[in-house]
Structures are given as C-alpha cells and as structure tokens.
C-alpha cells in the first residue's frame, strides 16, 4: 500500500483531498496531514511516506523548500504540488 501525506495550511483543502478520492481503491492510505512545512517535514521523517501532496505557500517553510528538505530526509518520496 502506498503511504500518502497531505500538506496544506488550509484545513478545508486537506479535508477535501482526503474525501475526494477513494484511496483504498488506488491501494493508497493517507497516513498523515500537516498544516505547515515544518509539520510536513516531521511527518516525512516519522512516517516515511511514498507520496506527499503539498501546497506551495505554507507557513514554517514553503512547499518548494519543504520538497528540497524532504528529499534529504527520504530520497525516494514523490511530490505532487
């Protein structure tokens, strides 16, 4: 199963992404949700996701900076912006 983390500072957007897709049908599981770049990096380290769905503009560190740092934590994580 593919582990997914969602990172967006807007709670409603996170809920929409979580509920919009039939994750199980795609053999995917949402293992975490972050509301800023710092939380997202912590979840990459802790949960070792396969895929991150992220926003660009977030507090803490923006999406592009988070992607760069996230790749240093887990080289094979993929990102969707």
N, C-alpha and C. Protein backbone atom coordinates (compact mmCIF):
# COMPACT_ATOMS: atom_id res chain seq x y z
N UNK A 1 0.84 -1.18 0.00
CA UNK A 1 0.00 0.00 0.00
C UNK A 1 0.88 1.25 0.00
N UNK A 2 0.52 2.22 -0.80
CA UNK A 2 1.27 3.48 -0.91
C UNK A 2 0.84 4.41 0.22
N UNK A 3 1.81 4.90 0.98
CA UNK A 3 1.54 5.81 2.09
C UNK A 3 1.59 7.25 1.59
N UNK A 4 0.53 8.02 1.93
CA UNK A 4 0.38 9.39 1.44
C UNK A 4 0.29 10.35 2.63
N UNK A 5 0.97 11.50 2.50
CA UNK A 5 0.83 12.60 3.46
C UNK A 5 0.35 13.82 2.68
N UNK A 6 -0.61 14.52 3.25
CA UNK A 6 -1.14 15.74 2.65
C UNK A 6 -0.65 16.92 3.47
N UNK A 7 -0.14 17.96 2.78
CA UNK A 7 0.36 19.15 3.46
C UNK A 7 -0.25 20.40 2.83
N UNK A 8 -1.09 21.08 3.59
CA UNK A 8 -1.70 22.33 3.16
C UNK A 8 -2.11 23.10 4.40
N UNK A 9 -1.90 24.41 4.39
CA UNK A 9 -2.24 25.21 5.56
C UNK A 9 -3.74 25.46 5.70
N UNK A 10 -4.52 25.13 4.68
CA UNK A 10 -5.97 25.31 4.75
C UNK A 10 -6.62 23.97 5.10
N UNK A 11 -7.23 23.92 6.27
CA UNK A 11 -7.86 22.69 6.78
C UNK A 11 -8.91 22.17 5.80
N UNK A 12 -9.68 23.08 5.22
CA UNK A 12 -10.74 22.64 4.28
C UNK A 12 -10.15 21.96 3.05
N UNK A 13 -9.03 22.44 2.57
CA UNK A 13 -8.39 21.82 1.40
C UNK A 13 -7.91 20.41 1.77
N UNK A 14 -7.33 20.26 2.94
CA UNK A 14 -6.89 18.93 3.39
C UNK A 14 -8.07 17.97 3.47
N UNK A 15 -9.15 18.42 4.05
CA UNK A 15 -10.35 17.56 4.16
C UNK A 15 -10.88 17.20 2.78
N UNK A 16 -10.90 18.17 1.86
CA UNK A 16 -11.37 17.92 0.50
C UNK A 16 -10.53 16.84 -0.18
N UNK A 17 -9.22 16.96 -0.10
CA UNK A 17 -8.34 15.97 -0.72
C UNK A 17 -8.55 14.60 -0.08
N UNK A 18 -8.69 14.56 1.22
CA UNK A 18 -8.90 13.29 1.92
C UNK A 18 -10.19 12.61 1.48
N UNK A 19 -11.23 13.40 1.28
CA UNK A 19 -12.55 12.83 1.00
C UNK A 19 -12.88 12.72 -0.48
N UNK A 20 -12.13 13.37 -1.33
CA UNK A 20 -12.44 13.41 -2.75
C UNK A 20 -12.09 12.12 -3.49
N UNK A 21 -11.11 11.42 -2.98
CA UNK A 21 -10.55 10.25 -3.68
C UNK A 21 -10.82 8.98 -2.88
N UNK A 22 -11.11 7.90 -3.60
CA UNK A 22 -11.24 6.59 -2.97
C UNK A 22 -9.83 5.99 -2.87
N UNK A 23 -9.15 6.35 -1.80
CA UNK A 23 -7.75 5.98 -1.62
C UNK A 23 -7.54 4.47 -1.60
N UNK A 24 -8.43 3.74 -0.94
CA UNK A 24 -8.27 2.28 -0.86
C UNK A 24 -8.34 1.62 -2.23
N UNK A 25 -9.21 2.14 -3.09
CA UNK A 25 -9.34 1.60 -4.44
C UNK A 25 -8.04 1.77 -5.24
N UNK A 26 -7.25 2.76 -4.87
CA UNK A 26 -5.97 3.01 -5.53
C UNK A 26 -4.81 2.36 -4.81
N UNK A 27 -5.12 1.54 -3.80
CA UNK A 27 -4.11 0.90 -2.95
C UNK A 27 -3.22 1.94 -2.28
N UNK A 28 -3.89 3.00 -1.76
CA UNK A 28 -3.19 4.09 -1.08
C UNK A 28 -3.86 4.34 0.27
N UNK A 29 -3.09 4.89 1.19
CA UNK A 29 -3.60 5.22 2.51
C UNK A 29 -3.03 6.56 2.95
N UNK A 30 -3.91 7.45 3.42
CA UNK A 30 -3.45 8.71 3.98
C UNK A 30 -2.97 8.43 5.40
N UNK A 31 -1.68 8.62 5.62
CA UNK A 31 -1.10 8.31 6.92
C UNK A 31 -0.89 9.55 7.77
N UNK A 32 -1.00 10.74 7.16
CA UNK A 32 -0.81 11.95 7.92
C UNK A 32 -1.23 13.19 7.16
N UNK A 33 -1.54 14.24 7.93
CA UNK A 33 -1.91 15.54 7.38
C UNK A 33 -1.12 16.61 8.14
N UNK A 34 -0.48 17.50 7.40
CA UNK A 34 0.29 18.60 8.00
C UNK A 34 -0.30 19.93 7.56
N UNK A 35 -0.22 20.93 8.44
CA UNK A 35 -0.78 22.24 8.12
C UNK A 35 0.28 23.31 7.96
N UNK A 36 1.54 22.89 7.91
CA UNK A 36 2.64 23.80 7.57
C UNK A 36 3.84 22.97 7.16
N UNK A 37 4.84 23.65 6.61
CA UNK A 37 6.01 22.94 6.10
C UNK A 37 6.82 22.23 7.17
N UNK A 38 6.88 22.79 8.36
CA UNK A 38 7.63 22.15 9.45
C UNK A 38 6.97 20.84 9.85
N UNK A 39 5.64 20.85 10.02
CA UNK A 39 4.90 19.61 10.34
C UNK A 39 5.10 18.58 9.23
N UNK A 40 5.08 19.03 7.98
CA UNK A 40 5.24 18.12 6.85
C UNK A 40 6.59 17.42 6.91
N UNK A 41 7.65 18.16 7.21
CA UNK A 41 8.98 17.56 7.32
C UNK A 41 9.04 16.56 8.47
N UNK A 42 8.40 16.90 9.58
CA UNK A 42 8.36 15.96 10.71
C UNK A 42 7.65 14.68 10.33
N UNK A 43 6.56 14.79 9.53
CA UNK A 43 5.82 13.60 9.12
C UNK A 43 6.62 12.76 8.13
N UNK A 44 7.40 13.40 7.27
CA UNK A 44 8.26 12.63 6.35
C UNK A 44 9.23 11.79 7.17
N UNK A 45 9.84 12.40 8.16
CA UNK A 45 10.81 11.68 8.98
C UNK A 45 10.14 10.57 9.78
N UNK A 46 9.01 10.86 10.37
CA UNK A 46 8.33 9.90 11.25
C UNK A 46 7.61 8.79 10.48
N UNK A 47 6.89 9.14 9.41
CA UNK A 47 6.01 8.18 8.73
C UNK A 47 6.59 7.57 7.47
N UNK A 48 7.67 8.17 6.93
CA UNK A 48 8.32 7.65 5.72
C UNK A 48 7.31 7.40 4.59
N UNK A 49 6.57 8.44 4.18
CA UNK A 49 5.56 8.26 3.14
C UNK A 49 6.19 8.02 1.77
N UNK A 50 5.38 7.47 0.87
CA UNK A 50 5.81 7.27 -0.51
C UNK A 50 5.47 8.48 -1.37
N UNK A 51 4.41 9.21 -0.96
CA UNK A 51 3.90 10.33 -1.74
C UNK A 51 3.47 11.47 -0.82
N UNK A 52 3.82 12.70 -1.20
CA UNK A 52 3.36 13.89 -0.49
C UNK A 52 2.55 14.73 -1.47
N UNK A 53 1.38 15.14 -1.04
CA UNK A 53 0.59 16.09 -1.81
C UNK A 53 0.69 17.40 -1.04
N UNK A 54 1.24 18.45 -1.68
CA UNK A 54 1.56 19.66 -0.94
C UNK A 54 1.15 20.93 -1.66
N UNK A 55 0.96 21.95 -0.87
CA UNK A 55 0.73 23.31 -1.34
C UNK A 55 2.09 23.98 -1.47
N UNK A 56 2.16 25.05 -2.25
CA UNK A 56 3.41 25.80 -2.38
C UNK A 56 3.56 26.79 -1.23
N UNK A 57 2.51 27.56 -0.99
CA UNK A 57 2.59 28.61 0.04
C UNK A 57 2.03 28.09 1.36
N UNK A 58 2.94 27.90 2.31
CA UNK A 58 2.58 27.43 3.65
C UNK A 58 3.47 28.13 4.66
N UNK A 59 2.98 28.29 5.89
CA UNK A 59 3.85 28.86 6.93
C UNK A 59 4.92 27.85 7.36
N UNK A 60 5.93 28.34 8.02
CA UNK A 60 7.01 27.47 8.51
C UNK A 60 8.11 27.36 7.49
N UNK A 61 7.83 26.68 6.41
CA UNK A 61 8.69 26.69 5.22
C UNK A 61 7.77 26.39 4.05
N UNK A 62 8.02 27.04 2.93
CA UNK A 62 7.09 26.87 1.80
C UNK A 62 7.25 25.49 1.16
N UNK A 63 6.35 25.19 0.25
CA UNK A 63 6.32 23.86 -0.36
C UNK A 63 7.60 23.49 -1.09
N UNK A 64 8.19 24.44 -1.80
CA UNK A 64 9.41 24.14 -2.55
C UNK A 64 10.58 23.86 -1.62
N UNK A 65 10.69 24.64 -0.56
CA UNK A 65 11.74 24.40 0.42
C UNK A 65 11.50 23.07 1.14
N UNK A 66 10.24 22.78 1.43
CA UNK A 66 9.89 21.52 2.09
C UNK A 66 10.25 20.32 1.20
N UNK A 67 10.01 20.45 -0.10
CA UNK A 67 10.35 19.37 -1.03
C UNK A 67 11.87 19.12 -1.01
N UNK A 68 12.63 20.20 -1.08
CA UNK A 68 14.10 20.07 -1.07
C UNK A 68 14.58 19.39 0.20
N UNK A 69 14.08 19.83 1.34
CA UNK A 69 14.49 19.23 2.61
C UNK A 69 13.92 17.82 2.77
N UNK A 70 12.71 17.61 2.28
CA UNK A 70 12.09 16.28 2.37
C UNK A 70 12.86 15.23 1.60
N UNK A 71 13.40 15.61 0.43
CA UNK A 71 14.22 14.69 -0.37
C UNK A 71 15.51 14.32 0.36
N UNK A 72 16.00 15.21 1.22
CA UNK A 72 17.19 14.90 2.01
C UNK A 72 16.86 13.90 3.11
N UNK A 73 15.62 13.95 3.60
CA UNK A 73 15.19 13.02 4.65
C UNK A 73 14.87 11.65 4.06
N UNK A 74 14.10 11.66 2.96
CA UNK A 74 13.69 10.41 2.30
C UNK A 74 13.81 10.61 0.79
N UNK A 75 14.89 10.12 0.25
CA UNK A 75 15.24 10.36 -1.13
C UNK A 75 14.18 9.91 -2.14
N UNK A 76 13.48 8.83 -1.86
CA UNK A 76 12.55 8.27 -2.84
C UNK A 76 11.10 8.72 -2.66
N UNK A 77 10.85 9.73 -1.82
CA UNK A 77 9.49 10.24 -1.69
C UNK A 77 9.14 11.07 -2.93
N UNK A 78 7.93 10.89 -3.44
CA UNK A 78 7.45 11.66 -4.60
C UNK A 78 6.54 12.77 -4.10
N UNK A 79 6.44 13.85 -4.89
CA UNK A 79 5.65 15.00 -4.51
C UNK A 79 4.68 15.37 -5.62
N UNK A 80 3.48 15.76 -5.23
CA UNK A 80 2.51 16.38 -6.13
C UNK A 80 2.22 17.75 -5.54
N UNK A 81 2.36 18.79 -6.36
CA UNK A 81 2.12 20.16 -5.88
C UNK A 81 0.76 20.60 -6.38
